């Protein structure tokens, strides 16, 4: 739990610039991989997704952890008593009971990634919706406003789909 919470104490910008340093040609990642004849992803899409994973993973882990803690151990014991093996218990008991937590974590991570405009510009110089909105805010305000509705629409459809799957019934 400490390993998951510790990165949340640092500022977003500090973490973003740290990943820029880690992924650089003279960065720590290349230094660690050099003895094996490998090199890091650098400032590519792979490096960007590695940084996104580091930044937003705690927002996925914490809801899942809370969801797993809410499962009574008696249900897992009952599954074992009835002959359910580990994988079957996971699919039939654990996963359905933690589904709302998985959806909650995915809402956090997906929405934060969808609107991010700093990290894509720092690491991979990629065009995400957030970077397009940020670059158009002064020049073409109507276009920026139209692009700003895309994440709202995507999240609305995502939430509607989660509701249809029953993710919010046990909350």
C-alpha atoms as a PDB file:
ATOM      1  CA  UNK A   1       0.000   0.000   0.000  1.00  0.00           C
ATOM      2  CA  UNK A   2       2.886   2.367   0.775  1.00  0.00           C
ATOM      3  CA  UNK A   3       4.409   1.694  -2.657  1.00  0.00           C
ATOM      4  CA  UNK A   4       1.107   2.672  -4.289  1.00  0.00           C
ATOM      5  CA  UNK A   5       0.509   5.801  -2.197  1.00  0.00           C
ATOM      6  CA  UNK A   6       4.044   7.208  -2.205  1.00  0.00           C
ATOM      7  CA  UNK A   7       3.975   8.437  -5.837  1.00  0.00           C
ATOM      8  CA  UNK A   8       0.798  10.404  -5.052  1.00  0.00           C
ATOM      9  CA  UNK A   9       2.778  12.646  -2.699  1.00  0.00           C
ATOM     10  CA  UNK A  10       4.802  14.131  -5.555  1.00  0.00           C
ATOM     11  CA  UNK A  11       3.523  16.837  -7.857  1.00  0.00           C
ATOM     12  CA  UNK A  12       2.267  15.877 -11.307  1.00  0.00           C
ATOM     13  CA  UNK A  13       4.833  18.149 -12.979  1.00  0.00           C
ATOM     14  CA  UNK A  14       7.686  16.703 -10.938  1.00  0.00           C
ATOM     15  CA  UNK A  15       6.678  13.193 -11.999  1.00  0.00           C
ATOM     16  CA  UNK A  16       6.254  14.244 -15.638  1.00  0.00           C
ATOM     17  CA  UNK A  17       9.686  15.887 -15.840  1.00  0.00           C
ATOM     18  CA  UNK A  18      11.203  12.932 -13.965  1.00  0.00           C
ATOM     19  CA  UNK A  19       9.891  10.590 -16.634  1.00  0.00           C
ATOM     20  CA  UNK A  20      11.326  12.867 -19.294  1.00  0.00           C
ATOM     21  CA  UNK A  21      14.702  12.497 -17.590  1.00  0.00           C
ATOM     22  CA  UNK A  22      14.325   8.733 -17.097  1.00  0.00           C
ATOM     23  CA  UNK A  23      13.427   8.144 -20.760  1.00  0.00           C
ATOM     24  CA  UNK A  24      16.170  10.396 -22.189  1.00  0.00           C
ATOM     25  CA  UNK A  25      19.188   9.043 -24.085  1.00  0.00           C
ATOM     26  CA  UNK A  26      21.387   9.568 -21.025  1.00  0.00           C
ATOM     27  CA  UNK A  27      18.542   8.572 -18.697  1.00  0.00           C
ATOM     28  CA  UNK A  28      18.399   6.011 -15.946  1.00  0.00           C
ATOM     29  CA  UNK A  29      16.449   3.505 -18.035  1.00  0.00           C
ATOM     30  CA  UNK A  30      19.091   3.371 -20.773  1.00  0.00           C
ATOM     31  CA  UNK A  31      21.804   3.180 -18.116  1.00  0.00           C
ATOM     32  CA  UNK A  32      20.097   0.158 -16.526  1.00  0.00           C
ATOM     33  CA  UNK A  33      19.451  -1.597 -19.853  1.00  0.00           C
ATOM     34  CA  UNK A  34      22.887  -0.911 -21.437  1.00  0.00           C
ATOM     35  CA  UNK A  35      24.684  -3.885 -19.802  1.00  0.00           C
ATOM     36  CA  UNK A  36      22.138  -6.187 -21.450  1.00  0.00           C
ATOM     37  CA  UNK A  37      22.593  -4.612 -24.878  1.00  0.00           C
ATOM     38  CA  UNK A  38      19.141  -3.038 -24.768  1.00  0.00           C
ATOM     39  CA  UNK A  39      17.894   0.528 -24.885  1.00  0.00           C
ATOM     40  CA  UNK A  40      14.813   2.171 -23.455  1.00  0.00           C
ATOM     41  CA  UNK A  41      11.817   3.325 -25.458  1.00  0.00           C
ATOM     42  CA  UNK A  42      12.958   6.961 -25.403  1.00  0.00           C
ATOM     43  CA  UNK A  43      10.532   9.723 -26.320  1.00  0.00           C
ATOM     44  CA  UNK A  44       8.106   7.473 -28.200  1.00  0.00           C
ATOM     45  CA  UNK A  45       4.542   6.314 -27.754  1.00  0.00           C
ATOM     46  CA  UNK A  46       5.813   3.377 -25.705  1.00  0.00           C
ATOM     47  CA  UNK A  47       7.646   5.744 -23.371  1.00  0.00           C
ATOM     48  CA  UNK A  48       4.531   7.873 -23.100  1.00  0.00           C
ATOM     49  CA  UNK A  49       2.351   4.900 -22.144  1.00  0.00           C
ATOM     50  CA  UNK A  50       4.979   3.789 -19.638  1.00  0.00           C
ATOM     51  CA  UNK A  51       4.826   7.226 -18.013  1.00  0.00           C
ATOM     52  CA  UNK A  52       1.002   7.240 -18.143  1.00  0.00           C
ATOM     53  CA  UNK A  53       0.967   3.856 -16.440  1.00  0.00           C
ATOM     54  CA  UNK A  54       3.194   5.122 -13.652  1.00  0.00           C
ATOM     55  CA  UNK A  55       1.198   8.316 -13.189  1.00  0.00           C
ATOM     56  CA  UNK A  56      -2.311   6.880 -13.210  1.00  0.00           C
ATOM     57  CA  UNK A  57      -1.813   3.319 -11.890  1.00  0.00           C
ATOM     58  CA  UNK A  58      -2.448   4.313  -8.240  1.00  0.00           C
ATOM     59  CA  UNK A  59      -5.843   5.661  -9.292  1.00  0.00           C
ATOM     60  CA  UNK A  60      -6.653   2.177 -10.619  1.00  0.00           C
ATOM     61  CA  UNK A  61      -5.119   0.152  -7.809  1.00  0.00           C
ATOM     62  CA  UNK A  62      -6.785   1.980  -4.916  1.00  0.00           C
ATOM     63  CA  UNK A  63     -10.421   1.357  -5.985  1.00  0.00           C
ATOM     64  CA  UNK A  64      -9.634  -2.269  -6.810  1.00  0.00           C
ATOM     65  CA  UNK A  65      -7.939  -2.706  -3.442  1.00  0.00           C
ATOM     66  CA  UNK A  66     -10.980  -1.252  -1.705  1.00  0.00           C
ATOM     67  CA  UNK A  67     -13.255  -3.539  -3.736  1.00  0.00           C
ATOM     68  CA  UNK A  68     -11.208  -6.614  -2.866  1.00  0.00           C
ATOM     69  CA  UNK A  69     -11.256  -5.725   0.819  1.00  0.00           C
ATOM     70  CA  UNK A  70     -15.076  -5.617   0.755  1.00  0.00           C
ATOM     71  CA  UNK A  71     -15.325  -9.260  -0.342  1.00  0.00           C
ATOM     72  CA  UNK A  72     -16.147 -11.418   2.676  1.00  0.00           C
ATOM     73  CA  UNK A  73     -13.637 -14.211   3.133  1.00  0.00           C
ATOM     74  CA  UNK A  74     -16.559 -16.546   3.804  1.00  0.00           C
ATOM     75  CA  UNK A  75     -17.531 -16.346   0.119  1.00  0.00           C
ATOM     76  CA  UNK A  76     -14.063 -17.443  -0.962  1.00  0.00           C
ATOM     77  CA  UNK A  77     -14.090 -20.217   1.618  1.00  0.00           C
ATOM     78  CA  UNK A  78     -17.543 -21.332   0.449  1.00  0.00           C
ATOM     79  CA  UNK A  79     -16.294 -21.484  -3.120  1.00  0.00           C
ATOM     80  CA  UNK A  80     -13.345 -23.613  -2.029  1.00  0.00           C
ATOM     81  CA  UNK A  81     -15.627 -25.868   0.040  1.00  0.00           C
ATOM     82  CA  UNK A  82     -17.864 -26.407  -2.977  1.00  0.00           C
ATOM     83  CA  UNK A  83     -14.867 -27.507  -5.071  1.00  0.00           C
ATOM     84  CA  UNK A  84     -14.166 -24.257  -6.856  1.00  0.00           C
ATOM     85  CA  UNK A  85     -10.542 -23.974  -7.876  1.00  0.00           C
ATOM     86  CA  UNK A  86      -8.654 -20.684  -7.781  1.00  0.00           C
ATOM     87  CA  UNK A  87      -9.360 -19.632 -11.364  1.00  0.00           C
ATOM     88  CA  UNK A  88     -13.038 -20.543 -11.178  1.00  0.00           C
ATOM     89  CA  UNK A  89     -13.387 -18.687  -7.856  1.00  0.00           C
ATOM     90  CA  UNK A  90     -11.778 -15.663  -9.450  1.00  0.00           C
ATOM     91  CA  UNK A  91     -14.132 -15.674 -12.471  1.00  0.00           C
ATOM     92  CA  UNK A  92     -17.336 -16.548 -10.628  1.00  0.00           C
ATOM     93  CA  UNK A  93     -16.898 -14.782  -7.256  1.00  0.00           C
ATOM     94  CA  UNK A  94     -14.055 -12.268  -7.110  1.00  0.00           C
ATOM     95  CA  UNK A  95     -14.396 -10.606 -10.521  1.00  0.00           C
ATOM     96  CA  UNK A  96     -18.169  -9.990 -10.359  1.00  0.00           C
ATOM     97  CA  UNK A  97     -17.873  -8.551  -6.851  1.00  0.00           C
ATOM     98  CA  UNK A  98     -14.973  -6.259  -7.775  1.00  0.00           C
ATOM     99  CA  UNK A  99     -16.455  -5.188 -11.122  1.00  0.00           C
ATOM    100  CA  UNK A 100     -17.764  -1.867  -9.717  1.00  0.00           C
ATOM    101  CA  UNK A 101     -14.305  -1.103  -8.324  1.00  0.00           C
ATOM    102  CA  UNK A 102     -12.669  -1.931 -11.658  1.00  0.00           C
ATOM    103  CA  UNK A 103     -15.101   0.380 -13.443  1.00  0.00           C
ATOM    104  CA  UNK A 104     -14.465   3.160 -10.898  1.00  0.00           C
ATOM    105  CA  UNK A 105     -10.701   2.841 -11.356  1.00  0.00           C
ATOM    106  CA  UNK A 106     -10.997   2.781 -15.124  1.00  0.00           C
ATOM    107  CA  UNK A 107     -13.147   5.921 -15.032  1.00  0.00           C
ATOM    108  CA  UNK A 108     -10.431   7.702 -13.076  1.00  0.00           C
ATOM    109  CA  UNK A 109      -7.552   6.555 -15.252  1.00  0.00           C
ATOM    110  CA  UNK A 110      -9.318   6.861 -18.596  1.00  0.00           C
ATOM    111  CA  UNK A 111     -10.645  10.356 -17.933  1.00  0.00           C
ATOM    112  CA  UNK A 112      -7.299  11.578 -16.598  1.00  0.00           C
ATOM    113  CA  UNK A 113      -5.446  10.178 -19.607  1.00  0.00           C
ATOM    114  CA  UNK A 114      -8.057  11.487 -22.028  1.00  0.00           C
ATOM    115  CA  UNK A 115      -7.664  15.075 -20.884  1.00  0.00           C
ATOM    116  CA  UNK A 116      -3.909  15.105 -20.302  1.00  0.00           C
ATOM    117  CA  UNK A 117      -2.009  17.608 -22.380  1.00  0.00           C
ATOM    118  CA  UNK A 118       1.254  18.053 -20.471  1.00  0.00           C
ATOM    119  CA  UNK A 119       2.757  14.565 -20.588  1.00  0.00           C
ATOM    120  CA  UNK A 120       2.100  13.918 -24.305  1.00  0.00           C
ATOM    121  CA  UNK A 121       3.857  17.185 -25.139  1.00  0.00           C
ATOM    122  CA  UNK A 122       6.808  16.479 -22.848  1.00  0.00           C
ATOM    123  CA  UNK A 123       7.467  12.851 -23.679  1.00  0.00           C
ATOM    124  CA  UNK A 124       6.328  11.966 -27.188  1.00  0.00           C
ATOM    125  CA  UNK A 125       5.122  15.212 -28.751  1.00  0.00           C
ATOM    126  CA  UNK A 126       1.889  13.405 -29.635  1.00  0.00           C
ATOM    127  CA  UNK A 127      -1.504  14.910 -30.371  1.00  0.00           C
ATOM    128  CA  UNK A 128      -4.007  13.891 -27.729  1.00  0.00           C
ATOM    129  CA  UNK A 129      -7.365  15.600 -27.356  1.00  0.00           C
ATOM    130  CA  UNK A 130      -5.989  17.679 -24.489  1.00  0.00           C
ATOM    131  CA  UNK A 131      -3.007  18.893 -26.541  1.00  0.00           C
ATOM    132  CA  UNK A 132      -5.262  19.841 -29.461  1.00  0.00           C
ATOM    133  CA  UNK A 133      -7.554  21.822 -27.156  1.00  0.00           C
ATOM    134  CA  UNK A 134      -4.575  23.522 -25.513  1.00  0.00           C
ATOM    135  CA  UNK A 135      -2.946  24.446 -28.833  1.00  0.00           C
ATOM    136  CA  UNK A 136      -6.215  25.781 -30.318  1.00  0.00           C
ATOM    137  CA  UNK A 137      -7.376  27.750 -27.271  1.00  0.00           C
ATOM    138  CA  UNK A 138      -6.023  31.081 -28.427  1.00  0.00           C
ATOM    139  CA  UNK A 139      -6.249  30.770 -32.188  1.00  0.00           C
ATOM    140  CA  UNK A 140      -9.462  28.918 -32.917  1.00  0.00           C
ATOM    141  CA  UNK A 141     -11.634  29.040 -29.837  1.00  0.00           C
ATOM    142  CA  UNK A 142     -14.722  27.429 -31.465  1.00  0.00           C
ATOM    143  CA  UNK A 143     -12.612  24.479 -32.638  1.00  0.00           C
ATOM    144  CA  UNK A 144     -11.112  24.110 -29.159  1.00  0.00           C
ATOM    145  CA  UNK A 145     -14.606  24.192 -27.655  1.00  0.00           C
ATOM    146  CA  UNK A 146     -15.788  21.532 -30.100  1.00  0.00           C
ATOM    147  CA  UNK A 147     -12.809  19.321 -29.243  1.00  0.00           C
ATOM    148  CA  UNK A 148     -13.525  19.850 -25.537  1.00  0.00           C
ATOM    149  CA  UNK A 149     -16.895  18.191 -26.033  1.00  0.00           C
ATOM    150  CA  UNK A 150     -15.274  14.994 -27.334  1.00  0.00           C
ATOM    151  CA  UNK A 151     -13.989  13.829 -23.907  1.00  0.00           C
ATOM    152  CA  UNK A 152     -17.348  14.730 -22.368  1.00  0.00           C
ATOM    153  CA  UNK A 153     -19.155  12.646 -24.997  1.00  0.00           C
ATOM    154  CA  UNK A 154     -16.713   9.748 -24.685  1.00  0.00           C
ATOM    155  CA  UNK A 155     -17.037   9.679 -20.891  1.00  0.00           C
ATOM    156  CA  UNK A 156     -20.832   9.916 -21.158  1.00  0.00           C
ATOM    157  CA  UNK A 157     -20.924   6.874 -23.455  1.00  0.00           C
ATOM    158  CA  UNK A 158     -18.479   5.049 -21.182  1.00  0.00           C
ATOM    159  CA  UNK A 159     -20.562   5.757 -18.078  1.00  0.00           C
ATOM    160  CA  UNK A 160     -23.743   4.746 -19.899  1.00  0.00           C
ATOM    161  CA  UNK A 161     -22.103   1.449 -20.921  1.00  0.00           C
ATOM    162  CA  UNK A 162     -20.905   0.832 -17.364  1.00  0.00           C
ATOM    163  CA  UNK A 163     -24.400   1.483 -16.055  1.00  0.00           C
ATOM    164  CA  UNK A 164     -25.880  -0.930 -18.609  1.00  0.00           C
ATOM    165  CA  UNK A 165     -23.420  -3.593 -17.438  1.00  0.00           C
ATOM    166  CA  UNK A 166     -24.581  -3.090 -13.860  1.00  0.00           C
ATOM    167  CA  UNK A 167     -21.388  -1.560 -12.478  1.00  0.00           C
ATOM    168  CA  UNK A 168     -23.252   0.890 -10.270  1.00  0.00           C
ATOM    169  CA  UNK A 169     -25.891  -1.464  -8.833  1.00  0.00           C
ATOM    170  CA  UNK A 170     -23.931  -2.496  -5.769  1.00  0.00           C
ATOM    171  CA  UNK A 171     -22.806   1.051  -4.899  1.00  0.00           C
END
